[in-house]
Amino acid sequence: MRAVVICIVLLILSCEDRKTEPKITEEQSIKSEAVKQQPELTNEEKEPKSNESEFPLLTEDNAMDFFLEYEKENSENEVRITTDFGEIDILLYPKTKFHRANFIYLTKRDYFSGTQFYRVINNFMVQAGNTDDPKVKRKRRFIGKYLLPKDTKRGYRHHRGTVSMPSSDIDNPHKLASPYEFFIVQNPKGEYRLDTDYTIFGKVIRGMDVVDRIAAVETDKADWPLKNIYIQKVEILE
């Protein structure tokens, strides 16, 4: 009797051993491994809405040729900057075509949203377009690393309300412009000492009261506002 029981148990175990699992194809296996090795990206890590494949990655070698063509098809010259303190409308000058085209391009790539007024000096100027936010730094990586040439012989001067482009903070004896940033002259008397060094590419046509309020905020020793002032968006008016 005991031998019969043992035979029955062995027969059951043998049947269970032969039970097959659903077959996993090579494609499913690869896909499964990919999911394990590539965790889902966070919102901060996802690429911007404007897919980088639609545009070339800009460098110092191709940026000028790119903007030379871009400015022909993108002739808009009025933008509105919406800040935490209100709106600032800017007219961009056609004579400084590379700098105008660059600003329009960055606006259409939604670069400026989330950047800050990061350097504020009352009775001098307010400077914007930078931030410590990693999402904005990621946008820069997708757009590219490049500088724009100085263009200071167009007859423009640094009057109050002038929009100009700061030079890069790298070793830069020729004052090449940092394309992602800009400053607005707030001094009522102007800042004409800057005329030969920095490229003027526009002027404020509405919202200098907003600029004045930004310029009046309290800052730290590095001129960074103690309370962050954000650019919520920049949009093209025409």
C-alpha atoms as a PDB file:
ATOM      1  CA  MET A   1       0.000   0.000   0.000  1.00  0.00           C
ATOM      2  CA  ARG A   2       2.813   2.358   0.941  1.00  0.00           C
ATOM      3  CA  ALA A   3       4.487   1.688  -2.418  1.00  0.00           C
ATOM      4  CA  VAL A   4       1.260   2.575  -4.254  1.00  0.00           C
ATOM      5  CA  VAL A   5       1.036   5.937  -2.436  1.00  0.00           C
ATOM      6  CA  ILE A   6       4.634   6.778  -3.300  1.00  0.00           C
ATOM      7  CA  CYS A   7       3.986   6.012  -6.961  1.00  0.00           C
ATOM      8  CA  ILE A   8       0.928   8.290  -7.031  1.00  0.00           C
ATOM      9  CA  VAL A   9       2.895  11.194  -5.435  1.00  0.00           C
ATOM     10  CA  LEU A  10       5.739  10.783  -7.914  1.00  0.00           C
ATOM     11  CA  LEU A  11       3.269  10.786 -10.797  1.00  0.00           C
ATOM     12  CA  ILE A  12       1.708  14.068  -9.600  1.00  0.00           C
ATOM     13  CA  LEU A  13       5.111  15.723  -9.175  1.00  0.00           C
ATOM     14  CA  SER A  14       6.130  14.561 -12.609  1.00  0.00           C
ATOM     15  CA  CYS A  15       3.031  16.188 -14.146  1.00  0.00           C
ATOM     16  CA  GLU A  16       3.721  19.492 -12.368  1.00  0.00           C
ATOM     17  CA  ASP A  17       7.318  19.510 -13.626  1.00  0.00           C
ATOM     18  CA  ARG A  18       6.090  19.238 -17.201  1.00  0.00           C
ATOM     19  CA  LYS A  19       3.775  22.263 -16.808  1.00  0.00           C
ATOM     20  CA  THR A  20       5.057  24.920 -19.275  1.00  0.00           C
ATOM     21  CA  GLU A  21       5.158  28.699 -18.702  1.00  0.00           C
ATOM     22  CA  PRO A  22       3.948  31.143 -21.412  1.00  0.00           C
ATOM     23  CA  LYS A  23       6.660  31.497 -24.038  1.00  0.00           C
ATOM     24  CA  ILE A  24       8.534  34.843 -23.977  1.00  0.00           C
ATOM     25  CA  THR A  25       9.620  35.973 -27.395  1.00  0.00           C
ATOM     26  CA  GLU A  26      13.009  37.568 -28.051  1.00  0.00           C
ATOM     27  CA  GLU A  27      11.300  40.935 -28.725  1.00  0.00           C
ATOM     28  CA  GLN A  28       9.427  40.838 -25.411  1.00  0.00           C
ATOM     29  CA  SER A  29      12.576  39.910 -23.549  1.00  0.00           C
ATOM     30  CA  ILE A  30      14.545  42.804 -24.999  1.00  0.00           C
ATOM     31  CA  LYS A  31      11.724  45.223 -24.281  1.00  0.00           C
ATOM     32  CA  SER A  32      11.420  44.011 -20.729  1.00  0.00           C
ATOM     33  CA  GLU A  33      15.141  44.407 -20.107  1.00  0.00           C
ATOM     34  CA  ALA A  34      15.011  47.890 -21.623  1.00  0.00           C
ATOM     35  CA  VAL A  35      12.318  48.909 -19.157  1.00  0.00           C
ATOM     36  CA  LYS A  36      14.444  47.658 -16.273  1.00  0.00           C
ATOM     37  CA  GLN A  37      17.546  49.440 -17.494  1.00  0.00           C
ATOM     38  CA  GLN A  38      15.788  52.703 -18.536  1.00  0.00           C
ATOM     39  CA  PRO A  39      13.572  54.025 -15.719  1.00  0.00           C
ATOM     40  CA  GLU A  40      10.770  56.376 -16.681  1.00  0.00           C
ATOM     41  CA  LEU A  41      11.955  59.987 -16.978  1.00  0.00           C
ATOM     42  CA  THR A  42      10.662  62.592 -14.569  1.00  0.00           C
ATOM     43  CA  ASN A  43       9.035  65.752 -15.929  1.00  0.00           C
ATOM     44  CA  GLU A  44      12.295  67.608 -15.280  1.00  0.00           C
ATOM     45  CA  GLU A  45      14.247  65.092 -17.352  1.00  0.00           C
ATOM     46  CA  LYS A  46      11.907  64.933 -20.332  1.00  0.00           C
ATOM     47  CA  GLU A  47      13.017  66.882 -23.358  1.00  0.00           C
ATOM     48  CA  PRO A  48      11.294  70.212 -24.127  1.00  0.00           C
ATOM     49  CA  LYS A  49       8.113  70.319 -26.207  1.00  0.00           C
ATOM     50  CA  SER A  50      10.115  71.527 -29.198  1.00  0.00           C
ATOM     51  CA  ASN A  51      11.899  68.364 -30.184  1.00  0.00           C
ATOM     52  CA  GLU A  52      15.592  68.974 -30.722  1.00  0.00           C
ATOM     53  CA  SER A  53      15.495  67.045 -33.991  1.00  0.00           C
ATOM     54  CA  GLU A  54      13.476  69.879 -35.572  1.00  0.00           C
ATOM     55  CA  PHE A  55      16.434  72.233 -35.208  1.00  0.00           C
ATOM     56  CA  PRO A  56      20.203  71.897 -35.451  1.00  0.00           C
ATOM     57  CA  LEU A  57      22.220  71.867 -32.270  1.00  0.00           C
ATOM     58  CA  LEU A  58      23.757  75.326 -32.424  1.00  0.00           C
ATOM     59  CA  THR A  59      27.500  75.759 -32.066  1.00  0.00           C
ATOM     60  CA  GLU A  60      29.943  78.561 -32.751  1.00  0.00           C
ATOM     61  CA  ASP A  61      30.535  76.960 -36.145  1.00  0.00           C
ATOM     62  CA  ASN A  62      26.933  76.956 -37.402  1.00  0.00           C
ATOM     63  CA  ALA A  63      25.007  79.555 -35.344  1.00  0.00           C
ATOM     64  CA  MET A  64      25.690  82.531 -37.605  1.00  0.00           C
ATOM     65  CA  ASP A  65      24.670  80.700 -40.778  1.00  0.00           C
ATOM     66  CA  PHE A  66      21.563  79.411 -39.020  1.00  0.00           C
ATOM     67  CA  PHE A  67      20.426  82.864 -37.862  1.00  0.00           C
ATOM     68  CA  LEU A  68      21.243  84.399 -41.237  1.00  0.00           C
ATOM     69  CA  GLU A  69      18.583  82.138 -42.752  1.00  0.00           C
ATOM     70  CA  TYR A  70      16.267  82.148 -39.738  1.00  0.00           C
ATOM     71  CA  GLU A  71      15.883  85.926 -39.668  1.00  0.00           C
ATOM     72  CA  LYS A  72      14.627  85.939 -43.271  1.00  0.00           C
ATOM     73  CA  GLU A  73      11.669  83.712 -42.413  1.00  0.00           C
ATOM     74  CA  ASN A  74      11.015  85.033 -38.900  1.00  0.00           C
ATOM     75  CA  SER A  75      10.708  88.809 -39.101  1.00  0.00           C
ATOM     76  CA  GLU A  76       8.702  89.432 -35.901  1.00  0.00           C
ATOM     77  CA  ASN A  77      10.019  92.344 -33.864  1.00  0.00           C
ATOM     78  CA  GLU A  78       7.700  92.883 -30.879  1.00  0.00           C
ATOM     79  CA  VAL A  79       7.588  90.676 -27.800  1.00  0.00           C
ATOM     80  CA  ARG A  80       5.920  90.755 -24.406  1.00  0.00           C
ATOM     81  CA  ILE A  81       7.766  89.604 -21.305  1.00  0.00           C
ATOM     82  CA  THR A  82       5.410  88.580 -18.521  1.00  0.00           C
ATOM     83  CA  THR A  83       7.135  88.757 -15.130  1.00  0.00           C
ATOM     84  CA  ASP A  84       6.091  88.317 -11.511  1.00  0.00           C
ATOM     85  CA  PHE A  85       5.840  92.133 -11.399  1.00  0.00           C
ATOM     86  CA  GLY A  86       3.890  92.685 -14.624  1.00  0.00           C
ATOM     87  CA  GLU A  87       4.371  92.947 -18.378  1.00  0.00           C
ATOM     88  CA  ILE A  88       7.214  94.511 -20.360  1.00  0.00           C
ATOM     89  CA  ASP A  89       6.764  95.066 -24.106  1.00  0.00           C
ATOM     90  CA  ILE A  90       9.909  95.269 -26.224  1.00  0.00           C
ATOM     91  CA  LEU A  91      10.564  96.409 -29.782  1.00  0.00           C
ATOM     92  CA  LEU A  92      13.464  94.525 -31.392  1.00  0.00           C
ATOM     93  CA  TYR A  93      15.690  96.329 -33.873  1.00  0.00           C
ATOM     94  CA  PRO A  94      16.094  94.903 -37.403  1.00  0.00           C
ATOM     95  CA  LYS A  95      19.590  96.364 -37.852  1.00  0.00           C
ATOM     96  CA  THR A  96      21.068  93.983 -35.272  1.00  0.00           C
ATOM     97  CA  LYS A  97      19.556  91.078 -37.157  1.00  0.00           C
ATOM     98  CA  PHE A  98      21.441  88.200 -35.572  1.00  0.00           C
ATOM     99  CA  HIS A  99      20.532  89.335 -32.066  1.00  0.00           C
ATOM    100  CA  ARG A 100      16.902  89.986 -32.993  1.00  0.00           C
ATOM    101  CA  ALA A 101      16.629  86.601 -34.694  1.00  0.00           C
ATOM    102  CA  ASN A 102      18.267  84.926 -31.709  1.00  0.00           C
ATOM    103  CA  PHE A 103      15.742  86.434 -29.297  1.00  0.00           C
ATOM    104  CA  ILE A 104      12.803  85.438 -31.511  1.00  0.00           C
ATOM    105  CA  TYR A 105      14.230  81.936 -31.880  1.00  0.00           C
ATOM    106  CA  LEU A 106      14.642  81.478 -28.130  1.00  0.00           C
ATOM    107  CA  THR A 107      11.137  82.837 -27.597  1.00  0.00           C
ATOM    108  CA  LYS A 108       9.687  80.302 -30.027  1.00  0.00           C
ATOM    109  CA  ARG A 109      11.686  77.539 -28.333  1.00  0.00           C
ATOM    110  CA  ASP A 110      10.107  78.656 -25.017  1.00  0.00           C
ATOM    111  CA  TYR A 111      13.532  79.142 -23.497  1.00  0.00           C
ATOM    112  CA  PHE A 112      12.757  82.134 -21.297  1.00  0.00           C
ATOM    113  CA  SER A 113       9.844  80.642 -19.328  1.00  0.00           C
ATOM    114  CA  GLY A 114      11.119  79.983 -15.810  1.00  0.00           C
ATOM    115  CA  THR A 115      14.263  82.088 -16.118  1.00  0.00           C
ATOM    116  CA  GLN A 116      14.890  84.900 -13.664  1.00  0.00           C
ATOM    117  CA  PHE A 117      16.018  88.470 -13.214  1.00  0.00           C
ATOM    118  CA  TYR A 118      19.228  87.330 -11.597  1.00  0.00           C
ATOM    119  CA  ARG A 119      21.205  90.579 -11.437  1.00  0.00           C
ATOM    120  CA  VAL A 120      19.463  93.771 -10.307  1.00  0.00           C
ATOM    121  CA  ILE A 121      21.190  97.089  -9.607  1.00  0.00           C
ATOM    122  CA  ASN A 122      18.932 100.049  -8.910  1.00  0.00           C
ATOM    123  CA  ASN A 123      19.640 103.128 -11.028  1.00  0.00           C
ATOM    124  CA  PHE A 124      21.711 101.002 -13.386  1.00  0.00           C
ATOM    125  CA  MET A 125      20.038  97.968 -15.016  1.00  0.00           C
ATOM    126  CA  VAL A 126      18.158  94.691 -14.543  1.00  0.00           C
ATOM    127  CA  GLN A 127      19.572  91.535 -16.119  1.00  0.00           C
ATOM    128  CA  ALA A 128      17.577  88.400 -16.960  1.00  0.00           C
ATOM    129  CA  GLY A 129      17.578  85.064 -18.779  1.00  0.00           C
ATOM    130  CA  ASN A 130      19.498  82.864 -16.351  1.00  0.00           C
ATOM    131  CA  THR A 131      18.581  80.622 -13.418  1.00  0.00           C
ATOM    132  CA  ASP A 132      19.779  77.726 -11.276  1.00  0.00           C
ATOM    133  CA  ASP A 133      16.788  75.636 -12.391  1.00  0.00           C
ATOM    134  CA  PRO A 134      18.020  72.363 -13.981  1.00  0.00           C
ATOM    135  CA  LYS A 135      15.054  72.366 -16.400  1.00  0.00           C
ATOM    136  CA  VAL A 136      16.296  75.602 -17.959  1.00  0.00           C
ATOM    137  CA  LYS A 137      19.854  74.301 -18.119  1.00  0.00           C
ATOM    138  CA  ARG A 138      18.485  71.267 -19.954  1.00  0.00           C
ATOM    139  CA  LYS A 139      16.810  73.580 -22.476  1.00  0.00           C
ATOM    140  CA  ARG A 140      20.187  75.166 -23.139  1.00  0.00           C
ATOM    141  CA  ARG A 141      21.741  71.774 -23.819  1.00  0.00           C
ATOM    142  CA  PHE A 142      19.088  71.036 -26.440  1.00  0.00           C
ATOM    143  CA  ILE A 143      19.450  74.451 -28.104  1.00  0.00           C
ATOM    144  CA  GLY A 144      23.234  74.588 -28.115  1.00  0.00           C
ATOM    145  CA  LYS A 145      26.349  76.396 -26.936  1.00  0.00           C
ATOM    146  CA  TYR A 146      27.304  79.436 -28.973  1.00  0.00           C
ATOM    147  CA  LEU A 147      28.093  83.157 -28.788  1.00  0.00           C
ATOM    148  CA  LEU A 148      26.990  86.058 -30.961  1.00  0.00           C
ATOM    149  CA  PRO A 149      29.325  88.725 -32.366  1.00  0.00           C
ATOM    150  CA  LYS A 150      29.422  92.214 -30.963  1.00  0.00           C
ATOM    151  CA  ASP A 151      27.434  94.623 -33.158  1.00  0.00           C
ATOM    152  CA  THR A 152      27.798  98.122 -31.733  1.00  0.00           C
ATOM    153  CA  LYS A 153      28.012 100.386 -34.798  1.00  0.00           C
ATOM    154  CA  ARG A 154      24.326 100.706 -35.691  1.00  0.00           C
ATOM    155  CA  GLY A 155      23.810 104.132 -34.135  1.00  0.00           C
ATOM    156  CA  TYR A 156      21.981 102.876 -31.037  1.00  0.00           C
ATOM    157  CA  ARG A 157      22.862 104.123 -27.572  1.00  0.00           C
ATOM    158  CA  HIS A 158      22.210 102.848 -24.057  1.00  0.00           C
ATOM    159  CA  HIS A 159      19.337 105.183 -23.191  1.00  0.00           C
ATOM    160  CA  ARG A 160      16.944 104.329 -20.369  1.00  0.00           C
ATOM    161  CA  GLY A 161      14.813 101.400 -21.541  1.00  0.00           C
ATOM    162  CA  THR A 162      17.432 100.046 -23.935  1.00  0.00           C
ATOM    163  CA  VAL A 163      17.593  96.260 -24.240  1.00  0.00           C
ATOM    164  CA  SER A 164      21.134  94.988 -24.683  1.00  0.00           C
ATOM    165  CA  MET A 165      23.014  91.694 -24.609  1.00  0.00           C
ATOM    166  CA  PRO A 166      25.709  91.030 -21.999  1.00  0.00           C
ATOM    167  CA  SER A 167      29.006  89.468 -22.963  1.00  0.00           C
ATOM    168  CA  SER A 168      29.813  85.915 -21.965  1.00  0.00           C
ATOM    169  CA  ASP A 169      31.449  85.375 -18.588  1.00  0.00           C
ATOM    170  CA  ILE A 170      34.212  83.274 -20.173  1.00  0.00           C
ATOM    171  CA  ASP A 171      37.572  84.700 -21.228  1.00  0.00           C
ATOM    172  CA  ASN A 172      36.134  87.001 -23.837  1.00  0.00           C
ATOM    173  CA  PRO A 173      38.286  89.960 -24.892  1.00  0.00           C
ATOM    174  CA  HIS A 174      36.065  90.655 -27.913  1.00  0.00           C
ATOM    175  CA  LYS A 175      32.898  90.981 -25.785  1.00  0.00           C
ATOM    176  CA  LEU A 176      31.043  88.265 -27.694  1.00  0.00           C
ATOM    177  CA  ALA A 177      27.429  88.220 -26.586  1.00  0.00           C
ATOM    178  CA  SER A 178      25.900  85.581 -24.341  1.00  0.00           C
ATOM    179  CA  PRO A 179      22.771  84.688 -26.371  1.00  0.00           C
ATOM    180  CA  TYR A 180      20.556  83.455 -23.539  1.00  0.00           C
ATOM    181  CA  GLU A 181      20.632  86.624 -21.467  1.00  0.00           C
ATOM    182  CA  PHE A 182      19.748  90.294 -21.791  1.00  0.00           C
ATOM    183  CA  PHE A 183      19.667  93.449 -19.709  1.00  0.00           C
ATOM    184  CA  ILE A 184      17.468  96.540 -19.640  1.00  0.00           C
ATOM    185  CA  VAL A 185      18.957  99.923 -18.780  1.00  0.00           C
ATOM    186  CA  GLN A 186      17.022 101.401 -15.861  1.00  0.00           C
ATOM    187  CA  ASN A 187      19.126 104.489 -15.147  1.00  0.00           C
ATOM    188  CA  PRO A 188      17.086 107.612 -16.064  1.00  0.00           C
ATOM    189  CA  LYS A 189      20.300 109.226 -17.327  1.00  0.00           C
ATOM    190  CA  GLY A 190      21.257 106.271 -19.535  1.00  0.00           C
ATOM    191  CA  GLU A 191      24.462 104.219 -19.486  1.00  0.00           C
ATOM    192  CA  TYR A 192      26.409 105.498 -22.483  1.00  0.00           C
ATOM    193  CA  ARG A 193      29.718 104.098 -21.240  1.00  0.00           C
ATOM    194  CA  LEU A 194      28.389 100.711 -22.380  1.00  0.00           C
ATOM    195  CA  ASP A 195      27.877 101.755 -25.999  1.00  0.00           C
ATOM    196  CA  THR A 196      31.082 100.359 -27.461  1.00  0.00           C
ATOM    197  CA  ASP A 197      31.073  97.073 -25.565  1.00  0.00           C
ATOM    198  CA  TYR A 198      27.532  95.674 -25.615  1.00  0.00           C
ATOM    199  CA  THR A 199      25.096  95.095 -28.459  1.00  0.00           C
ATOM    200  CA  ILE A 200      21.804  96.984 -28.306  1.00  0.00           C
ATOM    201  CA  PHE A 201      19.029  95.017 -29.997  1.00  0.00           C
ATOM    202  CA  GLY A 202      15.809  96.600 -28.742  1.00  0.00           C
ATOM    203  CA  LYS A 203      13.998  98.971 -26.409  1.00  0.00           C
ATOM    204  CA  VAL A 204      11.123  98.878 -23.936  1.00  0.00           C
ATOM    205  CA  ILE A 205       7.985 100.437 -25.433  1.00  0.00           C
ATOM    206  CA  ARG A 206       5.698  99.647 -22.478  1.00  0.00           C
ATOM    207  CA  GLY A 207       6.360  98.578 -18.927  1.00  0.00           C
ATOM    208  CA  MET A 208       9.265 100.682 -17.662  1.00  0.00           C
ATOM    209  CA  ASP A 209       7.300 101.015 -14.434  1.00  0.00           C
ATOM    210  CA  VAL A 210       7.668  97.239 -14.098  1.00  0.00           C
ATOM    211  CA  VAL A 211      11.411  97.537 -14.728  1.00  0.00           C
ATOM    212  CA  ASP A 212      11.616 100.209 -12.014  1.00  0.00           C
ATOM    213  CA  ARG A 213       9.811  97.989  -9.501  1.00  0.00           C
ATOM    214  CA  ILE A 214      12.149  95.109 -10.265  1.00  0.00           C
ATOM    215  CA  ALA A 215      15.186  97.380  -9.933  1.00  0.00           C
ATOM    216  CA  ALA A 216      14.029  98.554  -6.491  1.00  0.00           C
ATOM    217  CA  VAL A 217      13.928  95.105  -4.832  1.00  0.00           C
ATOM    218  CA  GLU A 218      16.361  94.122  -2.113  1.00  0.00           C
ATOM    219  CA  THR A 219      19.314  92.029  -3.283  1.00  0.00           C
ATOM    220  CA  ASP A 220      22.226  90.097  -1.830  1.00  0.00           C
ATOM    221  CA  LYS A 221      25.889  91.039  -2.232  1.00  0.00           C
ATOM    222  CA  ALA A 222      25.941  89.439  -5.688  1.00  0.00           C
ATOM    223  CA  ASP A 223      22.986  91.629  -6.798  1.00  0.00           C
ATOM    224  CA  TRP A 224      20.644  88.617  -6.924  1.00  0.00           C
ATOM    225  CA  PRO A 225      17.151  89.516  -5.611  1.00  0.00           C
ATOM    226  CA  LEU A 226      16.482  88.063  -2.164  1.00  0.00           C
ATOM    227  CA  LYS A 227      13.095  86.930  -3.462  1.00  0.00           C
ATOM    228  CA  ASN A 228      13.325  85.325  -6.891  1.00  0.00           C
ATOM    229  CA  ILE A 229      11.720  87.263  -9.758  1.00  0.00           C
ATOM    230  CA  TYR A 230      10.667  84.975 -12.577  1.00  0.00           C
ATOM    231  CA  ILE A 231       9.896  85.459 -16.226  1.00  0.00           C
ATOM    232  CA  GLN A 232       6.654  83.545 -16.576  1.00  0.00           C
ATOM    233  CA  LYS A 233       6.670  83.653 -20.376  1.00  0.00           C
ATOM    234  CA  VAL A 234       7.792  85.608 -23.418  1.00  0.00           C
ATOM    235  CA  GLU A 235       5.385  85.823 -26.342  1.00  0.00           C
ATOM    236  CA  ILE A 236       5.576  87.358 -29.800  1.00  0.00           C
ATOM    237  CA  LEU A 237       3.178  90.235 -30.439  1.00  0.00           C
ATOM    238  CA  GLU A 238       3.746  90.632 -34.179  1.00  0.00           C
END
